[in-house]
PDB file of all heavy atoms in Angstrom:
ATOM      1  N   ILE A   1      50.280  16.096 -16.652  1.00  0.00           N
ATOM      2  CA  ILE A   1      49.064  16.725 -16.150  1.00  0.00           C
ATOM      3  C   ILE A   1      47.851  15.837 -16.382  1.00  0.00           C
ATOM      4  O   ILE A   1      46.712  16.292 -16.231  1.00  0.00           O
ATOM      5  CB  ILE A   1      48.831  18.095 -16.809  1.00  0.00           C
ATOM      6  CG1 ILE A   1      48.775  17.965 -18.329  1.00  0.00           C
ATOM      7  CG2 ILE A   1      49.907  19.079 -16.383  1.00  0.00           C
ATOM      8  CD1 ILE A   1      48.377  19.245 -19.035  1.00  0.00           C
ATOM      9  N   PHE A   2      48.085  14.588 -16.743  1.00  0.00           N
ATOM     10  CA  PHE A   2      46.989  13.723 -17.128  1.00  0.00           C
ATOM     11  C   PHE A   2      46.605  12.658 -16.110  1.00  0.00           C
ATOM     12  O   PHE A   2      45.522  12.079 -16.217  1.00  0.00           O
ATOM     13  CB  PHE A   2      47.310  13.049 -18.469  1.00  0.00           C
ATOM     14  CG  PHE A   2      47.318  14.002 -19.627  1.00  0.00           C
ATOM     15  CD1 PHE A   2      48.515  14.466 -20.150  1.00  0.00           C
ATOM     16  CD2 PHE A   2      46.135  14.440 -20.183  1.00  0.00           C
ATOM     17  CE1 PHE A   2      48.528  15.349 -21.205  1.00  0.00           C
ATOM     18  CE2 PHE A   2      46.133  15.326 -21.243  1.00  0.00           C
ATOM     19  CZ  PHE A   2      47.336  15.786 -21.757  1.00  0.00           C
ATOM     20  N   ARG A   3      47.448  12.377 -15.146  1.00  0.00           N
ATOM     21  CA  ARG A   3      47.108  11.354 -14.170  1.00  0.00           C
ATOM     22  C   ARG A   3      46.222  11.930 -13.074  1.00  0.00           C
ATOM     23  O   ARG A   3      46.608  12.862 -12.374  1.00  0.00           O
ATOM     24  CB  ARG A   3      48.357  10.723 -13.564  1.00  0.00           C
ATOM     25  CG  ARG A   3      48.028   9.464 -12.770  1.00  0.00           C
ATOM     26  CD  ARG A   3      49.250   8.699 -12.352  1.00  0.00           C
ATOM     27  NE  ARG A   3      49.874   9.267 -11.165  1.00  0.00           N
ATOM     28  CZ  ARG A   3      50.842   8.682 -10.484  1.00  0.00           C
ATOM     29  NH1 ARG A   3      51.310   7.503 -10.886  1.00  0.00           N
ATOM     30  NH2 ARG A   3      51.356   9.280  -9.419  1.00  0.00           N
ATOM     31  N   ARG A   4      45.053  11.355 -12.940  1.00  0.00           N
ATOM     32  CA  ARG A   4      44.090  11.744 -11.912  1.00  0.00           C
ATOM     33  C   ARG A   4      43.883  13.257 -11.900  1.00  0.00           C
ATOM     34  O   ARG A   4      43.913  13.898 -10.850  1.00  0.00           O
ATOM     35  CB  ARG A   4      44.551  11.258 -10.538  1.00  0.00           C
ATOM     36  CG  ARG A   4      44.718   9.749 -10.442  1.00  0.00           C
ATOM     37  CD  ARG A   4      45.298   9.332  -9.099  1.00  0.00           C
ATOM     38  NE  ARG A   4      44.407   9.643  -7.992  1.00  0.00           N
ATOM     39  CZ  ARG A   4      43.384   8.889  -7.617  1.00  0.00           C
ATOM     40  NH1 ARG A   4      43.108   7.756  -8.278  1.00  0.00           N
ATOM     41  NH2 ARG A   4      42.627   9.246  -6.601  1.00  0.00           N
ATOM     42  N   SER A   5      43.679  13.816 -13.090  1.00  0.00           N
ATOM     43  CA  SER A   5      43.572  15.258 -13.191  1.00  0.00           C
ATOM     44  C   SER A   5      42.434  15.687 -14.110  1.00  0.00           C
ATOM     45  O   SER A   5      41.889  14.908 -14.891  1.00  0.00           O
ATOM     46  CB  SER A   5      44.888  15.869 -13.683  1.00  0.00           C
ATOM     47  OG  SER A   5      45.166  15.462 -15.013  1.00  0.00           O
ATOM     48  N   PHE A   6      42.114  16.941 -13.983  1.00  0.00           N
ATOM     49  CA  PHE A   6      41.120  17.623 -14.783  1.00  0.00           C
ATOM     50  C   PHE A   6      41.852  18.776 -15.460  1.00  0.00           C
ATOM     51  O   PHE A   6      42.491  19.596 -14.796  1.00  0.00           O
ATOM     52  CB  PHE A   6      40.008  18.143 -13.860  1.00  0.00           C
ATOM     53  CG  PHE A   6      39.037  19.103 -14.466  1.00  0.00           C
ATOM     54  CD1 PHE A   6      37.774  18.671 -14.871  1.00  0.00           C
ATOM     55  CD2 PHE A   6      39.348  20.445 -14.589  1.00  0.00           C
ATOM     56  CE1 PHE A   6      36.849  19.561 -15.399  1.00  0.00           C
ATOM     57  CE2 PHE A   6      38.434  21.342 -15.118  1.00  0.00           C
ATOM     58  CZ  PHE A   6      37.185  20.892 -15.523  1.00  0.00           C
ATOM     59  N   VAL A   7      41.791  18.830 -16.772  1.00  0.00           N
ATOM     60  CA  VAL A   7      42.421  19.914 -17.521  1.00  0.00           C
ATOM     61  C   VAL A   7      41.337  20.681 -18.254  1.00  0.00           C
ATOM     62  O   VAL A   7      40.510  20.082 -18.950  1.00  0.00           O
ATOM     63  CB  VAL A   7      43.469  19.392 -18.516  1.00  0.00           C
ATOM     64  CG1 VAL A   7      44.089  20.551 -19.287  1.00  0.00           C
ATOM     65  CG2 VAL A   7      44.553  18.612 -17.783  1.00  0.00           C
ATOM     66  N   GLY A   8      41.342  21.978 -18.090  1.00  0.00           N
ATOM     67  CA  GLY A   8      40.311  22.780 -18.704  1.00  0.00           C
ATOM     68  C   GLY A   8      40.848  24.027 -19.369  1.00  0.00           C
ATOM     69  O   GLY A   8      41.900  24.548 -19.008  1.00  0.00           O
ATOM     70  N   TRP A   9      40.096  24.479 -20.363  1.00  0.00           N
ATOM     71  CA  TRP A   9      40.331  25.767 -20.982  1.00  0.00           C
ATOM     72  C   TRP A   9      39.280  26.740 -20.463  1.00  0.00           C
ATOM     73  O   TRP A   9      38.073  26.455 -20.522  1.00  0.00           O
ATOM     74  CB  TRP A   9      40.249  25.683 -22.502  1.00  0.00           C
ATOM     75  CG  TRP A   9      41.462  25.094 -23.155  1.00  0.00           C
ATOM     76  CD1 TRP A   9      41.639  23.822 -23.567  1.00  0.00           C
ATOM     77  CD2 TRP A   9      42.667  25.797 -23.473  1.00  0.00           C
ATOM     78  NE1 TRP A   9      42.883  23.661 -24.133  1.00  0.00           N
ATOM     79  CE2 TRP A   9      43.536  24.863 -24.088  1.00  0.00           C
ATOM     80  CE3 TRP A   9      43.108  27.110 -23.312  1.00  0.00           C
ATOM     81  CZ2 TRP A   9      44.812  25.203 -24.535  1.00  0.00           C
ATOM     82  CZ3 TRP A   9      44.374  27.452 -23.753  1.00  0.00           C
ATOM     83  CH2 TRP A   9      45.207  26.507 -24.354  1.00  0.00           C
ATOM     84  N   TYR A  10      39.744  27.859 -19.962  1.00  0.00           N
ATOM     85  CA  TYR A  10      38.885  28.930 -19.494  1.00  0.00           C
ATOM     86  C   TYR A  10      39.111  30.160 -20.360  1.00  0.00           C
ATOM     87  O   TYR A  10      40.134  30.274 -21.037  1.00  0.00           O
ATOM     88  CB  TYR A  10      39.197  29.289 -18.043  1.00  0.00           C
ATOM     89  CG  TYR A  10      38.864  28.219 -17.021  1.00  0.00           C
ATOM     90  CD1 TYR A  10      39.658  27.081 -16.886  1.00  0.00           C
ATOM     91  CD2 TYR A  10      37.767  28.363 -16.177  1.00  0.00           C
ATOM     92  CE1 TYR A  10      39.366  26.113 -15.946  1.00  0.00           C
ATOM     93  CE2 TYR A  10      37.468  27.404 -15.230  1.00  0.00           C
ATOM     94  CZ  TYR A  10      38.273  26.276 -15.115  1.00  0.00           C
ATOM     95  OH  TYR A  10      37.975  25.320 -14.175  1.00  0.00           O
ATOM     96  N   ARG A  11      38.173  31.067 -20.314  1.00  0.00           N
ATOM     97  CA  ARG A  11      38.373  32.334 -21.004  1.00  0.00           C
ATOM     98  C   ARG A  11      37.797  33.474 -20.176  1.00  0.00           C
ATOM     99  O   ARG A  11      36.873  33.289 -19.390  1.00  0.00           O
ATOM    100  CB  ARG A  11      37.747  32.324 -22.399  1.00  0.00           C
ATOM    101  CG  ARG A  11      36.232  32.265 -22.429  1.00  0.00           C
ATOM    102  CD  ARG A  11      35.743  32.128 -23.864  1.00  0.00           C
ATOM    103  NE  ARG A  11      34.292  32.084 -23.952  1.00  0.00           N
ATOM    104  CZ  ARG A  11      33.612  31.816 -25.061  1.00  0.00           C
ATOM    105  NH1 ARG A  11      34.268  31.567 -26.195  1.00  0.00           N
ATOM    106  NH2 ARG A  11      32.285  31.804 -25.048  1.00  0.00           N
ATOM    107  N   GLN A  12      38.368  34.644 -20.383  1.00  0.00           N
ATOM    108  CA  GLN A  12      37.907  35.827 -19.679  1.00  0.00           C
ATOM    109  C   GLN A  12      37.947  37.016 -20.626  1.00  0.00           C
ATOM    110  O   GLN A  12      39.005  37.386 -21.130  1.00  0.00           O
ATOM    111  CB  GLN A  12      38.762  36.106 -18.447  1.00  0.00           C
ATOM    112  CG  GLN A  12      38.246  37.241 -17.585  1.00  0.00           C
ATOM    113  CD  GLN A  12      38.900  37.285 -16.223  1.00  0.00           C
ATOM    114  OE1 GLN A  12      40.028  36.832 -16.048  1.00  0.00           O
ATOM    115  NE2 GLN A  12      38.192  37.822 -15.245  1.00  0.00           N
ATOM    116  N   ALA A  13      36.787  37.589 -20.862  1.00  0.00           N
ATOM    117  CA  ALA A  13      36.667  38.778 -21.687  1.00  0.00           C
ATOM    118  C   ALA A  13      36.692  40.006 -20.787  1.00  0.00           C
ATOM    119  O   ALA A  13      36.370  39.922 -19.599  1.00  0.00           O
ATOM    120  CB  ALA A  13      35.379  38.733 -22.497  1.00  0.00           C
ATOM    121  N   PRO A  14      37.064  41.166 -21.332  1.00  0.00           N
ATOM    122  CA  PRO A  14      37.097  42.390 -20.519  1.00  0.00           C
ATOM    123  C   PRO A  14      35.761  42.651 -19.837  1.00  0.00           C
ATOM    124  O   PRO A  14      34.714  42.615 -20.474  1.00  0.00           O
ATOM    125  CB  PRO A  14      37.425  43.478 -21.540  1.00  0.00           C
ATOM    126  CG  PRO A  14      38.183  42.765 -22.608  1.00  0.00           C
ATOM    127  CD  PRO A  14      37.525  41.420 -22.711  1.00  0.00           C
ATOM    128  N   GLY A  15      35.810  42.909 -18.539  1.00  0.00           N
ATOM    129  CA  GLY A  15      34.610  43.214 -17.787  1.00  0.00           C
ATOM    130  C   GLY A  15      33.756  42.019 -17.425  1.00  0.00           C
ATOM    131  O   GLY A  15      32.686  42.193 -16.841  1.00  0.00           O
ATOM    132  N   LYS A  16      34.208  40.820 -17.767  1.00  0.00           N
ATOM    133  CA  LYS A  16      33.440  39.624 -17.469  1.00  0.00           C
ATOM    134  C   LYS A  16      34.245  38.667 -16.605  1.00  0.00           C
ATOM    135  O   LYS A  16      35.470  38.737 -16.551  1.00  0.00           O
ATOM    136  CB  LYS A  16      33.016  38.922 -18.761  1.00  0.00           C
ATOM    137  CG  LYS A  16      32.093  39.746 -19.647  1.00  0.00           C
ATOM    138  CD  LYS A  16      31.650  38.950 -20.858  1.00  0.00           C
ATOM    139  CE  LYS A  16      30.690  39.749 -21.722  1.00  0.00           C
ATOM    140  NZ  LYS A  16      30.251  38.967 -22.909  1.00  0.00           N
ATOM    141  N   GLN A  17      33.544  37.768 -15.936  1.00  0.00           N
ATOM    142  CA  GLN A  17      34.218  36.790 -15.101  1.00  0.00           C
ATOM    143  C   GLN A  17      34.766  35.650 -15.941  1.00  0.00           C
ATOM    144  O   GLN A  17      34.301  35.389 -17.053  1.00  0.00           O
ATOM    145  CB  GLN A  17      33.264  36.252 -14.033  1.00  0.00           C
ATOM    146  CG  GLN A  17      32.049  35.524 -14.568  1.00  0.00           C
ATOM    147  CD  GLN A  17      31.094  35.088 -13.471  1.00  0.00           C
ATOM    148  OE1 GLN A  17      31.470  35.018 -12.297  1.00  0.00           O
ATOM    149  NE2 GLN A  17      29.863  34.790 -13.826  1.00  0.00           N
ATOM    150  N   ARG A  18      35.757  34.976 -15.407  1.00  0.00           N
ATOM    151  CA  ARG A  18      36.348  33.854 -16.098  1.00  0.00           C
ATOM    152  C   ARG A  18      35.364  32.686 -16.142  1.00  0.00           C
ATOM    153  O   ARG A  18      34.703  32.383 -15.146  1.00  0.00           O
ATOM    154  CB  ARG A  18      37.640  33.428 -15.392  1.00  0.00           C
ATOM    155  CG  ARG A  18      38.442  32.383 -16.128  1.00  0.00           C
ATOM    156  CD  ARG A  18      39.804  32.163 -15.454  1.00  0.00           C
ATOM    157  NE  ARG A  18      40.605  33.381 -15.460  1.00  0.00           N
ATOM    158  CZ  ARG A  18      41.851  33.449 -15.010  1.00  0.00           C
ATOM    159  NH1 ARG A  18      42.448  32.364 -14.527  1.00  0.00           N
ATOM    160  NH2 ARG A  18      42.506  34.602 -15.044  1.00  0.00           N
ATOM    161  N   GLU A  19      35.267  32.043 -17.296  1.00  0.00           N
ATOM    162  CA  GLU A  19      34.343  30.940 -17.460  1.00  0.00           C
ATOM    163  C   GLU A  19      35.034  29.723 -18.041  1.00  0.00           C
ATOM    164  O   GLU A  19      35.974  29.832 -18.827  1.00  0.00           O
ATOM    165  CB  GLU A  19      33.170  31.345 -18.368  1.00  0.00           C
ATOM    166  CG  GLU A  19      33.580  31.700 -19.786  1.00  0.00           C
ATOM    167  CD  GLU A  19      32.399  31.971 -20.701  1.00  0.00           C
ATOM    168  OE1 GLU A  19      31.268  31.543 -20.380  1.00  0.00           O
ATOM    169  OE2 GLU A  19      32.599  32.616 -21.753  1.00  0.00           O
ATOM    170  N   LEU A  20      34.551  28.561 -17.662  1.00  0.00           N
ATOM    171  CA  LEU A  20      35.069  27.308 -18.199  1.00  0.00           C
ATOM    172  C   LEU A  20      34.491  27.082 -19.583  1.00  0.00           C
ATOM    173  O   LEU A  20      33.273  27.107 -19.768  1.00  0.00           O
ATOM    174  CB  LEU A  20      34.714  26.145 -17.277  1.00  0.00           C
ATOM    175  CG  LEU A  20      35.143  24.749 -17.729  1.00  0.00           C
ATOM    176  CD1 LEU A  20      36.666  24.653 -17.802  1.00  0.00           C
ATOM    177  CD2 LEU A  20      34.590  23.685 -16.789  1.00  0.00           C
ATOM    178  N   VAL A  21      35.359  26.837 -20.548  1.00  0.00           N
ATOM    179  CA  VAL A  21      34.950  26.639 -21.931  1.00  0.00           C
ATOM    180  C   VAL A  21      34.892  25.162 -22.285  1.00  0.00           C
ATOM    181  O   VAL A  21      33.927  24.690 -22.880  1.00  0.00           O
ATOM    182  CB  VAL A  21      35.906  27.373 -22.896  1.00  0.00           C
ATOM    183  CG1 VAL A  21      35.548  27.067 -24.345  1.00  0.00           C
ATOM    184  CG2 VAL A  21      35.862  28.873 -22.633  1.00  0.00           C
ATOM    185  N   ALA A  22      35.943  24.428 -21.943  1.00  0.00           N
ATOM    186  CA  ALA A  22      36.027  23.013 -22.268  1.00  0.00           C
ATOM    187  C   ALA A  22      36.922  22.320 -21.263  1.00  0.00           C
ATOM    188  O   ALA A  22      37.838  22.931 -20.711  1.00  0.00           O
ATOM    189  CB  ALA A  22      36.563  22.814 -23.684  1.00  0.00           C
ATOM    190  N   ALA A  23      36.669  21.037 -21.034  1.00  0.00           N
ATOM    191  CA  ALA A  23      37.453  20.284 -20.065  1.00  0.00           C
ATOM    192  C   ALA A  23      37.663  18.859 -20.538  1.00  0.00           C
ATOM    193  O   ALA A  23      36.857  18.317 -21.294  1.00  0.00           O
ATOM    194  CB  ALA A  23      36.753  20.282 -18.704  1.00  0.00           C
ATOM    195  N   ILE A  24      38.747  18.268 -20.078  1.00  0.00           N
ATOM    196  CA  ILE A  24      39.056  16.887 -20.403  1.00  0.00           C
ATOM    197  C   ILE A  24      39.703  16.235 -19.189  1.00  0.00           C
ATOM    198  O   ILE A  24      40.471  16.866 -18.467  1.00  0.00           O
ATOM    199  CB  ILE A  24      39.982  16.795 -21.641  1.00  0.00           C
ATOM    200  CG1 ILE A  24      40.148  15.342 -22.091  1.00  0.00           C
ATOM    201  CG2 ILE A  24      41.331  17.449 -21.366  1.00  0.00           C
ATOM    202  CD1 ILE A  24      40.829  15.205 -23.456  1.00  0.00           C
ATOM    203  N   THR A  25      39.370  14.975 -18.949  1.00  0.00           N
ATOM    204  CA  THR A  25      39.974  14.227 -17.857  1.00  0.00           C
ATOM    205  C   THR A  25      41.040  13.297 -18.407  1.00  0.00           C
ATOM    206  O   THR A  25      41.149  13.086 -19.615  1.00  0.00           O
ATOM    207  CB  THR A  25      38.935  13.395 -17.098  1.00  0.00           C
ATOM    208  OG1 THR A  25      38.471  12.331 -17.939  1.00  0.00           O
ATOM    209  CG2 THR A  25      37.745  14.253 -16.684  1.00  0.00           C
ATOM    210  N   SER A  26      41.835  12.722 -17.506  1.00  0.00           N
ATOM    211  CA  SER A  26      42.864  11.786 -17.931  1.00  0.00           C
ATOM    212  C   SER A  26      42.269  10.559 -18.599  1.00  0.00           C
ATOM    213  O   SER A  26      42.950   9.881 -19.370  1.00  0.00           O
ATOM    214  CB  SER A  26      43.731  11.362 -16.740  1.00  0.00           C
ATOM    215  OG  SER A  26      42.939  10.787 -15.713  1.00  0.00           O
ATOM    216  N   GLY A  27      41.002  10.282 -18.309  1.00  0.00           N
ATOM    217  CA  GLY A  27      40.322   9.169 -18.932  1.00  0.00           C
ATOM    218  C   GLY A  27      39.759   9.483 -20.304  1.00  0.00           C
ATOM    219  O   GLY A  27      39.230   8.590 -20.971  1.00  0.00           O
ATOM    220  N   GLY A  28      39.861  10.738 -20.716  1.00  0.00           N
ATOM    221  CA  GLY A  28      39.422  11.121 -22.039  1.00  0.00           C
ATOM    222  C   GLY A  28      38.028  11.705 -22.118  1.00  0.00           C
ATOM    223  O   GLY A  28      37.579  12.083 -23.207  1.00  0.00           O
ATOM    224  N   SER A  29      37.332  11.795 -20.993  1.00  0.00           N
ATOM    225  CA  SER A  29      36.006  12.395 -21.000  1.00  0.00           C
ATOM    226  C   SER A  29      36.107  13.890 -21.252  1.00  0.00           C
ATOM    227  O   SER A  29      37.016  14.547 -20.747  1.00  0.00           O
ATOM    228  CB  SER A  29      35.293  12.140 -19.674  1.00  0.00           C
ATOM    229  OG  SER A  29      35.114  10.753 -19.451  1.00  0.00           O
TER     230      SER A  29
END
């Protein structure tokens, strides 16, 4: 999942929309 990809952690609380919490690219950013 690391080649030319974006990997992220999202979270969703009850009654709320899903939000991006943290992200990392294959380059380590």
